[in-house]
C-alpha cells in the first residue's frame, strides 16, 4: 500500500493531502471546473488544496476561503524565458515538502512538469486531467494553442508521460478518451471519464438579471455565440453562415433576427473587419466578454458553436442547462455527446458554412421542433451538476490514495 487514506499519529487523525494543480484562476473552462468542484466538495472527504503559478485571474475572488492555495512563483521566482524551468523546480520542492496523497493536474504544463517530478518521487500518485482532443490540440499549425519549445517537448513526450508517468488519466468526454486510446495508444484501463460540471441552479438565477439593449426590444430574435475569439472557435464560419441566411431567405423568420457574439480574444479585430467587409454590421455585433453571459443567452432563440475542435465544451452544456435550442459543429470532441447525436439539438460538419446556414434556417423556420429538442436536453443536464461531478473527483482521489 503506497499510502493509507487516513493516518493516525498519537491517536489523532491526519487527513491525506489532495492537490489540484492548475496554471492560474483565469476565466477558461478547465479552471472553472476546478473552482466549481471545490465549491461543492463533499463534506465527508478532505478538502483538496490548490496549486497555481500565481493566484490571479477571474475566479480569484470566487475561490472558497477554506481552500489553501500554494503559489509556485512564491517558492521559486519565475524569471522571464526561464519560467518552464523555475516552475518545474518549484513543483519539485513543493511536492517534496508536502508529500501529498494524490495530485490531479489540469493544464498541459502541469501534466508535463509533474510527470517529470514523478520520476524523481516515484511514489507520488499523479492523475492527469485531459480537457482537449489531443490529436487536434497538438497539431502543428497556426491554430495550435501551445507554442515554442514547450510545444515541441509536449508533442513528443505526453503519450509516454500519460502511459508511464501517471497513475490515471481523466478524460472530459468519451471522444477525448477514444482519441487517447485510438490515436495515442493509451490503455483504456488507465482512462476514467469525468465530464465538466455546470451549476444549473446558479445559471438559471443569473439568467434572470435584466439586460438593457436595443436589440432585445421589439420583434427582434437573437442568435448568440459565447466564445473566446480564437481561430479554433471558427467564428468566421458563423458570421458567413448568418450573413448567408440573411441574403438567401430575405423576408420571413430571418428578417428581424440578429446575431450577438459574446467574448473576446486575439482575433476580435479580424472578425469585426469581416463583418464590416460583408456589410453585416446592422445585424451582427460584438459585445465583448461578459461577467454574466447567461442573461444574454436566456434571451436568445438559439445558441451556436462553430468550433473546429473541443474537449467537452462547457458553453454548450450551459446553453443546454438553460433550455436554449443549440446548433453546433460536430467536431472532435464533445458536441455529439452533449446533443446525443442531434437528438437534443442540431449538428453540422466543422467548417461547413452551408451546413451551418441550413441548421440556422431550420431552427428559425421550425421553432417548435427546436424548443422540443432543447427541452429534452434540458431535462438531462442534471447529469453535469456540481455535486455529482465533485463526488466523482472525490472518489478518484480516494481510490488513488489507496493504491
Protein backbone atom coordinates (compact mmCIF):
# COMPACT_ATOMS: atom_id res chain seq x y z
CA UNK A 1 0.00 0.00 0.00
CA UNK A 2 1.51 3.30 -1.10
CA UNK A 3 -0.39 5.46 1.37
CA UNK A 4 -3.27 5.00 3.72
CA UNK A 5 -6.24 7.32 3.32
CA UNK A 6 -6.17 8.38 6.96
CA UNK A 7 -3.07 8.03 9.15
CA UNK A 8 -3.04 8.13 12.93
CA UNK A 9 -0.32 9.79 14.97
CA UNK A 10 -0.75 9.81 18.74
CA UNK A 11 -4.38 8.72 18.20
CA UNK A 12 -5.09 11.88 16.16
CA UNK A 13 -6.35 11.60 12.60
CA UNK A 14 -4.08 13.11 9.97
CA UNK A 15 -6.08 13.62 6.80
CA UNK A 16 -4.43 12.93 3.45
CA UNK A 17 -3.31 15.87 1.36
CA UNK A 18 -5.10 16.11 -2.00
CA UNK A 19 -3.92 18.67 -4.57
CA UNK A 20 -5.39 20.20 -7.72
CA UNK A 21 -2.68 21.77 -9.91
CA UNK A 22 -3.73 24.44 -12.42
CA UNK A 23 -1.92 27.33 -14.08
CA UNK A 24 -3.99 30.20 -12.69
CA UNK A 25 -7.57 31.27 -11.95
CA UNK A 26 -8.38 32.72 -15.37
CA UNK A 27 -11.83 32.52 -16.93
CA UNK A 28 -11.44 29.36 -19.02
CA UNK A 29 -13.31 26.07 -18.88
CA UNK A 30 -10.78 23.85 -17.08
CA UNK A 31 -10.13 26.35 -14.29
CA UNK A 32 -13.86 26.96 -13.90
CA UNK A 33 -14.48 23.23 -13.47
CA UNK A 34 -11.92 23.01 -10.65
CA UNK A 35 -13.46 26.04 -8.92
CA UNK A 36 -16.98 24.58 -9.06
CA UNK A 37 -15.78 21.19 -7.85
CA UNK A 38 -14.06 22.83 -4.85
CA UNK A 39 -17.17 24.89 -4.07
CA UNK A 40 -19.32 21.72 -3.99
CA UNK A 41 -16.82 19.36 -2.39
CA UNK A 42 -18.47 16.56 -0.35
CA UNK A 43 -18.06 17.20 3.38
CA UNK A 44 -17.07 13.62 4.15
CA UNK A 45 -13.82 13.92 2.15
CA UNK A 46 -10.70 16.01 2.91
CA UNK A 47 -10.87 19.31 1.03
CA UNK A 48 -8.20 19.48 -1.70
CA UNK A 49 -5.62 22.23 -1.74
CA UNK A 50 -4.83 24.23 -4.88
CA UNK A 51 -1.50 24.84 -6.61
CA UNK A 52 -1.22 27.73 -9.11
CA UNK A 53 1.59 29.65 -10.76
CA UNK A 54 0.12 32.85 -9.32
CA UNK A 55 -3.16 33.50 -7.55
CA UNK A 56 -4.53 35.73 -10.31
CA UNK A 57 -7.47 35.68 -12.69
CA UNK A 58 -11.23 35.99 -12.98
CA UNK A 59 -12.03 33.26 -10.43
CA UNK A 60 -9.70 34.62 -7.70
CA UNK A 61 -12.46 36.18 -5.59
CA UNK A 62 -14.82 33.23 -6.01
CA UNK A 63 -12.46 30.64 -4.59
CA UNK A 64 -13.73 29.24 -1.25
CA UNK A 65 -11.78 30.80 1.62
CA UNK A 66 -11.33 27.35 3.15
CA UNK A 67 -9.20 26.21 0.20
CA UNK A 68 -5.48 26.51 0.87
CA UNK A 69 -3.56 27.90 -2.11
CA UNK A 70 0.14 27.34 -2.93
CA UNK A 71 1.79 29.75 -5.41
CA UNK A 72 4.72 28.33 -7.36
CA UNK A 73 6.14 31.75 -8.17
CA UNK A 74 6.38 32.39 -4.44
CA UNK A 75 8.51 29.27 -3.99
CA UNK A 76 10.92 29.91 -6.88
CA UNK A 77 10.76 33.27 -8.68
CA UNK A 78 9.67 32.89 -12.32
CA UNK A 79 12.30 34.66 -14.40
CA UNK A 80 11.38 35.68 -17.97
CA UNK A 81 12.20 32.97 -20.54
CA UNK A 82 13.02 30.55 -17.71
CA UNK A 83 9.52 30.05 -16.31
CA UNK A 84 9.24 26.47 -17.60
CA UNK A 85 12.36 25.52 -15.62
CA UNK A 86 11.73 27.60 -12.49
CA UNK A 87 8.17 26.33 -12.12
CA UNK A 88 9.33 22.74 -12.50
CA UNK A 89 11.82 23.32 -9.68
CA UNK A 90 9.03 24.90 -7.62
CA UNK A 91 6.79 21.88 -8.25
CA UNK A 92 9.54 19.51 -7.14
CA UNK A 93 10.22 21.48 -3.95
CA UNK A 94 6.51 21.71 -3.14
CA UNK A 95 5.81 18.01 -3.74
CA UNK A 96 8.89 17.02 -1.74
CA UNK A 97 7.74 19.22 1.14
CA UNK A 98 4.02 18.35 1.15
CA UNK A 99 4.22 14.68 0.10
CA UNK A 100 0.56 14.75 -1.00
CA UNK A 101 -1.55 11.59 -1.10
CA UNK A 102 -2.77 12.39 -4.65
CA UNK A 103 -2.19 15.12 -7.24
CA UNK A 104 -4.60 15.89 -10.09
CA UNK A 105 -3.14 18.10 -12.83
CA UNK A 106 -5.35 20.07 -15.22
CA UNK A 107 -3.34 22.13 -17.72
CA UNK A 108 -0.74 20.76 -20.22
CA UNK A 109 2.29 22.29 -18.48
CA UNK A 110 1.20 20.94 -15.10
CA UNK A 111 0.88 17.44 -16.53
CA UNK A 112 4.35 17.55 -18.12
CA UNK A 113 6.09 19.11 -15.11
CA UNK A 114 4.59 16.69 -12.60
CA UNK A 115 5.30 13.69 -14.82
CA UNK A 116 8.99 14.62 -14.53
CA UNK A 117 8.63 15.18 -10.78
CA UNK A 118 7.16 11.67 -10.50
CA UNK A 119 10.38 10.24 -11.94
CA UNK A 120 12.19 11.86 -9.01
CA UNK A 121 9.49 10.99 -6.45
CA UNK A 122 8.21 7.60 -7.75
CA UNK A 123 5.62 7.06 -5.02
CA UNK A 124 3.79 10.32 -5.86
CA UNK A 125 0.32 9.36 -7.22
CA UNK A 126 -0.48 11.61 -10.20
CA UNK A 127 -3.65 11.86 -12.26
CA UNK A 128 -3.59 13.92 -15.47
CA UNK A 129 -6.89 15.53 -16.47
CA UNK A 130 -7.21 15.98 -20.24
CA UNK A 131 -9.62 18.70 -21.39
CA UNK A 132 -8.78 18.68 -25.11
CA UNK A 133 -8.93 16.35 -28.06
CA UNK A 134 -5.19 15.73 -28.11
CA UNK A 135 -4.93 14.93 -31.84
CA UNK A 136 -6.33 18.37 -32.64
CA UNK A 137 -4.71 20.20 -29.73
CA UNK A 138 -1.19 19.16 -30.73
CA UNK A 139 -1.48 19.70 -34.50
CA UNK A 140 1.44 21.59 -35.98
CA UNK A 141 -0.41 24.55 -37.44
CA UNK A 142 -1.05 28.21 -36.70
CA UNK A 143 -4.13 27.34 -34.64
CA UNK A 144 -2.18 25.28 -32.11
CA UNK A 145 -2.56 26.74 -28.61
CA UNK A 146 0.82 25.54 -27.37
CA UNK A 147 3.83 27.15 -28.99
CA UNK A 148 7.60 27.35 -28.85
CA UNK A 149 9.99 24.88 -27.24
CA UNK A 150 7.36 23.59 -24.81
CA UNK A 151 5.07 22.72 -27.75
CA UNK A 152 7.81 20.61 -29.31
CA UNK A 153 8.57 18.91 -25.99
CA UNK A 154 4.90 18.30 -25.19
CA UNK A 155 4.10 16.72 -28.57
CA UNK A 156 6.97 14.29 -28.20
CA UNK A 157 6.51 13.35 -24.55
CA UNK A 158 2.87 13.47 -23.50
CA UNK A 159 1.91 9.93 -24.69
CA UNK A 160 4.82 8.44 -22.75
CA UNK A 161 4.04 10.63 -19.72
CA UNK A 162 0.43 9.52 -19.74
CA UNK A 163 1.25 5.86 -20.20
CA UNK A 164 4.26 5.52 -17.88
CA UNK A 165 4.48 8.53 -15.57
CA UNK A 166 0.99 8.91 -14.20
CA UNK A 167 -1.41 6.62 -12.36
CA UNK A 168 -4.71 7.63 -14.00
CA UNK A 169 -5.99 9.88 -16.76
CA UNK A 170 -9.26 11.79 -16.53
CA UNK A 171 -10.85 12.40 -19.95
CA UNK A 172 -13.62 15.01 -20.04
CA UNK A 173 -15.59 13.17 -22.73
CA UNK A 174 -15.87 9.81 -24.44
CA UNK A 175 -14.43 11.40 -27.58
CA UNK A 176 -11.31 12.54 -25.71
CA UNK A 177 -10.95 9.06 -24.20
CA UNK A 178 -11.35 7.36 -27.60
CA UNK A 179 -8.73 9.67 -29.12
CA UNK A 180 -6.25 8.95 -26.31
CA UNK A 181 -6.71 5.23 -26.80
CA UNK A 182 -7.08 5.01 -30.57
CA UNK A 183 -4.61 7.68 -31.70
CA UNK A 184 -2.03 7.60 -28.92
CA UNK A 185 -2.16 4.06 -27.57
CA UNK A 186 -3.13 4.98 -24.01
CA UNK A 187 -4.62 1.93 -22.30
CA UNK A 188 -8.38 2.11 -21.72
CA UNK A 189 -7.80 0.73 -18.22
CA UNK A 190 -5.91 3.89 -17.36
CA UNK A 191 -8.65 6.30 -18.50
CA UNK A 192 -11.62 7.46 -16.44
CA UNK A 193 -14.28 9.76 -17.92
CA UNK A 194 -15.39 12.66 -15.72
CA UNK A 195 -17.27 15.39 -17.57
CA UNK A 196 -17.03 19.09 -16.72
CA UNK A 197 -19.70 20.49 -14.43
CA UNK A 198 -22.34 23.17 -14.84
CA UNK A 199 -24.41 24.56 -11.99
CA UNK A 200 -27.89 24.69 -13.49
CA UNK A 201 -29.43 26.40 -10.44
CA UNK A 202 -26.82 29.17 -10.47
CA UNK A 203 -27.07 29.61 -14.24
CA UNK A 204 -30.86 29.95 -14.12
CA UNK A 205 -30.58 32.53 -11.34
CA UNK A 206 -28.03 34.60 -13.25
CA UNK A 207 -30.10 34.38 -16.43
CA UNK A 208 -32.91 36.34 -14.75
CA UNK A 209 -30.85 39.52 -14.47
CA UNK A 210 -32.15 42.37 -16.62
CA UNK A 211 -30.45 43.29 -19.89
CA UNK A 212 -30.83 46.77 -21.37
CA UNK A 213 -30.01 46.50 -25.06
CA UNK A 214 -31.91 47.87 -28.04
CA UNK A 215 -31.51 44.60 -29.94
CA UNK A 216 -33.53 42.81 -27.28
CA UNK A 217 -36.54 45.06 -27.76
CA UNK A 218 -39.42 44.80 -30.18
CA UNK A 219 -39.74 41.83 -32.54
CA UNK A 220 -36.05 41.04 -32.81
CA UNK A 221 -34.92 37.44 -32.45
CA UNK A 222 -31.42 36.84 -31.17
CA UNK A 223 -28.90 34.17 -32.07
CA UNK A 224 -25.90 34.09 -29.75
CA UNK A 225 -22.39 32.71 -29.56
CA UNK A 226 -20.32 32.78 -26.35
CA UNK A 227 -16.70 32.03 -27.02
CA UNK A 228 -13.08 33.07 -26.81
CA UNK A 229 -12.29 34.77 -30.09
CA UNK A 230 -9.52 32.47 -31.29
CA UNK A 231 -9.10 30.65 -34.59
CA UNK A 232 -10.13 27.29 -33.09
CA UNK A 233 -13.68 28.58 -32.49
CA UNK A 234 -14.22 29.46 -36.19
CA UNK A 235 -16.49 32.43 -35.55
CA UNK A 236 -15.81 33.37 -39.17
CA UNK A 237 -17.94 30.37 -40.19
CA UNK A 238 -20.78 31.64 -38.00
CA UNK A 239 -20.56 35.16 -39.40
CA UNK A 240 -20.63 33.99 -43.01
CA UNK A 241 -23.40 31.46 -42.33
CA UNK A 242 -25.68 34.00 -40.68
CA UNK A 243 -24.98 36.58 -43.37
CA UNK A 244 -25.73 33.91 -45.98
CA UNK A 245 -29.08 33.21 -44.34
CA UNK A 246 -29.92 36.90 -44.46
CA UNK A 247 -29.07 37.10 -48.13
CA UNK A 248 -30.79 33.84 -49.07
CA UNK A 249 -34.00 33.95 -47.06
CA UNK A 250 -34.96 37.60 -47.39
CA UNK A 251 -38.26 38.34 -45.67
CA UNK A 252 -39.68 35.93 -43.12
CA UNK A 253 -38.29 34.37 -39.98
CA UNK A 254 -34.79 35.80 -40.61
CA UNK A 255 -35.95 39.39 -41.16
CA UNK A 256 -35.83 40.54 -37.53
CA UNK A 257 -33.07 38.17 -36.45
CA UNK A 258 -29.76 39.46 -35.08
CA UNK A 259 -26.51 37.73 -34.14
CA UNK A 260 -24.69 38.66 -30.92
CA UNK A 261 -21.13 37.45 -30.39
CA UNK A 262 -20.14 37.43 -26.74
CA UNK A 263 -16.45 37.06 -25.90
CA UNK A 264 -13.04 38.50 -26.58
CA UNK A 265 -9.70 37.35 -27.87
CA UNK A 266 -6.76 37.98 -30.20
CA UNK A 267 -8.71 37.79 -33.47
CA UNK A 268 -11.62 40.04 -32.49
CA UNK A 269 -10.47 42.88 -34.77
CA UNK A 270 -10.08 40.44 -37.67
CA UNK A 271 -13.63 39.15 -37.16
CA UNK A 272 -15.04 42.67 -36.86
CA UNK A 273 -13.39 43.50 -40.19
CA UNK A 274 -15.12 40.52 -41.81
CA UNK A 275 -18.48 41.82 -40.56
CA UNK A 276 -17.74 45.28 -42.00
CA UNK A 277 -16.48 43.93 -45.31
CA UNK A 278 -19.64 41.89 -45.96
CA UNK A 279 -21.90 44.74 -44.85
CA UNK A 280 -23.36 42.89 -41.86
CA UNK A 281 -22.80 45.48 -39.10
CA UNK A 282 -26.52 46.18 -38.91
CA UNK A 283 -27.34 42.67 -37.72
CA UNK A 284 -24.12 41.24 -36.25
CA UNK A 285 -22.43 42.81 -33.26
CA UNK A 286 -19.72 42.03 -30.73
CA UNK A 287 -20.41 42.75 -27.05
CA UNK A 288 -17.07 41.59 -25.61
CA UNK A 289 -16.56 39.34 -22.63
CA UNK A 290 -19.44 39.45 -20.16
CA UNK A 291 -19.25 38.60 -16.45
CA UNK A 292 -22.76 37.21 -16.81
CA UNK A 293 -23.32 35.84 -20.32
CA UNK A 294 -26.34 33.82 -19.16
CA UNK A 295 -28.68 36.82 -19.10
CA UNK A 296 -27.90 37.27 -22.80
CA UNK A 297 -28.11 33.57 -23.62
CA UNK A 298 -31.51 33.22 -21.95
CA UNK A 299 -32.99 35.78 -24.35
CA UNK A 300 -31.72 34.03 -27.49
CA UNK A 301 -33.72 31.75 -29.78
CA UNK A 302 -30.59 29.66 -30.41
CA UNK A 303 -27.03 29.20 -29.19
CA UNK A 304 -24.43 28.47 -31.88
CA UNK A 305 -20.97 26.88 -31.62
CA UNK A 306 -18.76 26.55 -34.70
CA UNK A 307 -15.51 25.14 -33.29
CA UNK A 308 -13.02 23.07 -35.27
CA UNK A 309 -12.32 21.04 -32.13
CA UNK A 310 -13.13 20.93 -28.43
CA UNK A 311 -12.85 18.56 -25.50
CA UNK A 312 -16.24 18.85 -23.84
CA UNK A 313 -17.41 22.44 -24.44
CA UNK A 314 -18.86 23.89 -21.25
CA UNK A 315 -20.69 26.68 -23.11
CA UNK A 316 -22.81 24.05 -24.88
CA UNK A 317 -23.53 22.40 -21.53
CA UNK A 318 -24.51 25.80 -20.08
CA UNK A 319 -26.80 26.54 -23.02
CA UNK A 320 -28.40 23.13 -22.54
CA UNK A 321 -28.89 23.90 -18.83
CA UNK A 322 -30.86 26.99 -19.89
CA UNK A 323 -33.05 25.04 -22.31
CA UNK A 324 -31.90 27.02 -25.36
CA UNK A 325 -32.01 25.44 -28.85
CA UNK A 326 -28.43 24.56 -29.81
CA UNK A 327 -26.65 24.48 -33.16
CA UNK A 328 -23.11 23.08 -33.06
CA UNK A 329 -20.37 21.80 -35.31
CA UNK A 330 -19.96 18.04 -34.95
CA UNK A 331 -16.30 18.49 -34.07
CA UNK A 332 -13.98 16.29 -32.05
CA UNK A 333 -14.90 16.08 -29.21
CA UNK A 334 -18.00 16.76 -27.15
CA UNK A 335 -20.90 18.26 -29.14
CA UNK A 336 -22.16 14.88 -30.36
CA UNK A 337 -22.17 13.59 -26.76
CA UNK A 338 -23.90 16.66 -25.33
CA UNK A 339 -26.55 16.74 -28.08
CA UNK A 340 -26.93 12.92 -28.23
CA UNK A 341 -26.05 12.80 -31.94
CA UNK A 342 -28.59 15.53 -32.77
CA UNK A 343 -31.45 14.37 -30.54
CA UNK A 344 -31.08 17.47 -28.32
CA UNK A 345 -30.01 19.96 -31.00
CA UNK A 346 -28.61 20.41 -34.50
CA UNK A 347 -25.18 19.32 -35.74
CA UNK A 348 -23.28 20.28 -38.87
CA UNK A 349 -19.84 19.39 -40.22
CA UNK A 350 -16.99 21.61 -38.89
CA UNK A 351 -16.12 24.45 -41.23
CA UNK A 352 -19.25 23.90 -43.36
CA UNK A 353 -20.82 27.33 -43.86
CA UNK A 354 -23.73 25.91 -45.87
CA UNK A 355 -24.41 23.26 -43.21
CA UNK A 356 -24.49 25.95 -40.53
CA UNK A 357 -26.84 28.03 -42.68
CA UNK A 358 -29.21 25.09 -43.05
CA UNK A 359 -29.25 24.49 -39.29
CA UNK A 360 -29.98 28.17 -38.59
CA UNK A 361 -32.80 28.15 -41.15
CA UNK A 362 -34.28 25.02 -39.63
CA UNK A 363 -34.33 26.49 -36.13
CA UNK A 364 -35.89 29.76 -37.29
CA UNK A 365 -38.47 28.13 -39.57
CA UNK A 366 -39.46 25.38 -37.15
CA UNK A 367 -39.13 26.84 -33.64
CA UNK A 368 -41.46 24.25 -32.08
CA UNK A 369 -39.16 21.40 -33.10
CA UNK A 370 -36.10 23.34 -31.90
CA UNK A 371 -37.65 24.01 -28.47
CA UNK A 372 -38.76 20.37 -28.11
CA UNK A 373 -35.21 19.16 -28.70
CA UNK A 374 -33.81 21.77 -26.33
CA UNK A 375 -36.18 20.81 -23.54
CA UNK A 376 -35.23 17.14 -23.87
CA UNK A 377 -31.61 18.16 -23.37
CA UNK A 378 -32.56 20.47 -20.51
CA UNK A 379 -34.03 17.51 -18.60
CA UNK A 380 -30.74 15.63 -18.97
CA UNK A 381 -28.44 18.46 -17.91
CA UNK A 382 -28.59 17.50 -14.21
CA UNK A 383 -26.06 14.76 -15.02
CA UNK A 384 -23.43 17.52 -15.02
CA UNK A 385 -24.42 19.01 -11.63
CA UNK A 386 -21.51 20.13 -9.41
CA UNK A 387 -22.46 17.73 -6.62
CA UNK A 388 -22.36 14.73 -8.97
CA UNK A 389 -19.05 15.70 -10.56
CA UNK A 390 -17.41 16.68 -7.25
CA UNK A 391 -18.32 13.25 -5.86
CA UNK A 392 -16.64 11.61 -8.86
CA UNK A 393 -13.44 13.60 -8.26
CA UNK A 394 -13.54 12.78 -4.55
CA UNK A 395 -13.84 9.08 -5.36
CA UNK A 396 -10.89 9.42 -7.74
CA UNK A 397 -8.75 11.00 -5.02
CA UNK A 398 -9.72 8.30 -2.55
CA UNK A 399 -9.11 5.40 -4.95
CA UNK A 400 -5.66 6.68 -5.94
CA UNK A 401 -4.73 7.29 -2.31
CA UNK A 402 -5.35 3.60 -1.64
CA UNK A 403 -3.06 2.35 -4.44
